[in-house]
Protein backbone atom coordinates (compact mmCIF):
# COMPACT_ATOMS: atom_id res chain seq x y z
CA MET A 1 0.00 0.00 0.00
CA SER A 2 1.35 3.44 -0.85
CA ASN A 3 1.67 6.36 1.52
CA ALA A 4 -1.13 8.86 1.95
CA LYS A 5 -0.85 11.94 -0.23
CA SER A 6 -2.72 15.22 -0.04
CA ILE A 7 -5.40 15.88 -2.61
CA ASP A 8 -7.38 19.09 -3.04
CA VAL A 9 -11.13 18.69 -3.50
CA SER A 10 -13.97 21.16 -3.88
CA ILE A 11 -17.35 20.76 -2.20
CA MET A 12 -19.95 23.49 -2.69
CA GLY A 13 -17.22 25.77 -4.01
CA ARG A 14 -15.07 25.36 -0.91
CA GLU A 15 -11.63 23.85 -1.17
CA PHE A 16 -10.51 21.08 1.18
CA THR A 17 -7.27 19.16 1.40
CA VAL A 18 -7.70 15.48 2.19
CA ALA A 19 -5.09 12.77 2.65
CA CYS A 20 -5.58 9.46 0.88
CA THR A 21 -3.56 6.70 -0.70
CA ASP A 22 -3.35 6.17 -4.44
CA GLU A 23 -5.66 3.17 -4.03
CA GLU A 24 -8.29 5.30 -2.26
CA ARG A 25 -8.11 8.24 -4.68
CA ALA A 26 -10.81 7.15 -7.14
CA GLY A 27 -13.21 6.27 -4.34
CA LEU A 28 -12.56 9.56 -2.59
CA LEU A 29 -13.20 11.56 -5.76
CA GLU A 30 -16.41 9.62 -6.33
CA ALA A 31 -17.51 10.35 -2.76
CA VAL A 32 -16.67 14.05 -3.14
CA SER A 33 -18.67 14.24 -6.36
CA TYR A 34 -21.63 12.45 -4.77
CA LEU A 35 -21.60 14.69 -1.69
CA ASP A 36 -21.26 17.82 -3.79
CA ARG A 37 -24.27 16.79 -5.91
CA LYS A 38 -26.35 16.03 -2.81
CA MET A 39 -25.47 19.36 -1.22
CA HIS A 40 -26.27 21.26 -4.43
CA ASP A 41 -29.61 19.43 -4.68
CA ILE A 42 -30.49 20.45 -1.12
CA ARG A 43 -29.42 24.05 -1.74
CA ASP A 44 -31.40 24.19 -4.98
CA THR A 45 -34.66 23.31 -3.22
CA GLY A 46 -34.40 26.69 -1.48
CA LYS A 47 -35.72 25.26 1.77
CA VAL A 48 -32.35 25.08 3.54
CA VAL A 49 -30.10 28.12 3.82
CA GLY A 50 -26.48 28.19 4.99
CA ILE A 51 -23.63 25.85 4.18
CA ASP A 52 -23.62 24.33 7.68
CA ARG A 53 -27.30 23.45 7.53
CA ILE A 54 -26.95 22.10 4.00
CA ALA A 55 -24.03 19.91 5.13
CA ILE A 56 -26.04 18.57 8.08
CA MET A 57 -29.05 17.80 5.88
CA ALA A 58 -26.78 16.06 3.36
CA ALA A 59 -25.21 14.02 6.19
CA LEU A 60 -28.65 13.01 7.44
CA ASN A 61 -29.78 12.04 3.94
CA LEU A 62 -26.62 10.02 3.30
CA SER A 63 -26.91 8.30 6.68
CA HIS A 64 -30.50 7.41 5.87
CA GLU A 65 -29.45 5.99 2.48
CA LEU A 66 -26.66 3.99 4.09
CA LEU A 67 -28.93 2.49 6.71
CA HIS A 68 -31.44 1.50 4.04
CA THR A 69 -28.81 -0.30 1.96
CA LYS A 70 -28.56 -2.82 4.76
CA THR A 71 -30.81 -5.83 4.59
CA GLY A 72 -31.27 -7.55 7.90
CA ASP A 73 -27.86 -7.86 9.51
CA VAL A 74 -26.04 -7.86 6.17
CA ASP A 75 -24.28 -4.73 4.99
CA ILE A 76 -24.03 -4.32 1.19
CA GLY A 77 -20.71 -2.52 1.67
CA ASP A 78 -19.36 -5.61 3.40
CA TYR A 79 -20.26 -7.70 0.36
CA LYS A 80 -18.52 -5.22 -1.93
CA ARG A 81 -15.36 -5.36 0.20
CA ARG A 82 -15.43 -9.15 0.26
CA ILE A 83 -15.97 -9.37 -3.51
CA SER A 84 -13.07 -6.97 -4.05
CA ALA A 85 -10.84 -9.11 -1.82
CA MET A 86 -11.86 -12.26 -3.72
CA GLN A 87 -11.16 -10.53 -7.04
CA SER A 88 -7.67 -9.66 -5.82
CA GLN A 89 -7.08 -13.27 -4.81
CA ILE A 90 -8.26 -14.48 -8.21
CA ASP A 91 -6.00 -11.97 -9.97
CA GLU A 92 -3.02 -13.17 -7.91
CA ALA A 93 -3.81 -16.83 -8.64
CA VAL A 94 -4.16 -16.20 -12.39
CA ALA A 95 -0.94 -14.18 -12.43
CA SER A 96 0.98 -16.98 -10.73
CA GLN A 97 -0.46 -19.53 -13.16
CA THR A 98 0.55 -17.39 -16.13
CA LYS A 99 4.11 -17.34 -14.85
CA LEU A 100 4.14 -21.16 -14.81
CA LEU A 101 3.14 -21.36 -18.47
C-alpha cells in the first residue's frame, strides 16, 4: 500500500485538502462528487439556507441511504469489500499460473 498523499477537492465551491492513498483516490473523488451533488440538490430546493445546515441535511440524507442499503444484519458494503478481496485473490492466482506457463 502506498503512503497517503494530499489531494485538493472542492465541495460546494469550498476547497478542502484530504489525505488518501493512491488506491483510495478514485473512491474519494467519487464520494466528493456524490456529496457535492447532494449538497447542491439540497441548496437548490431553497428550503435550507447556509452551508452548515446544507451539510447537516446532506449528512442526514446520506446516513439514511446507508442504513437503508442494509438488509437484515447484512451490509451491502461488506459484500462489496469481500468481492473486491476475492477478485484480488483471483488476480493473484491467475498471475501466478501465467508465470508457470
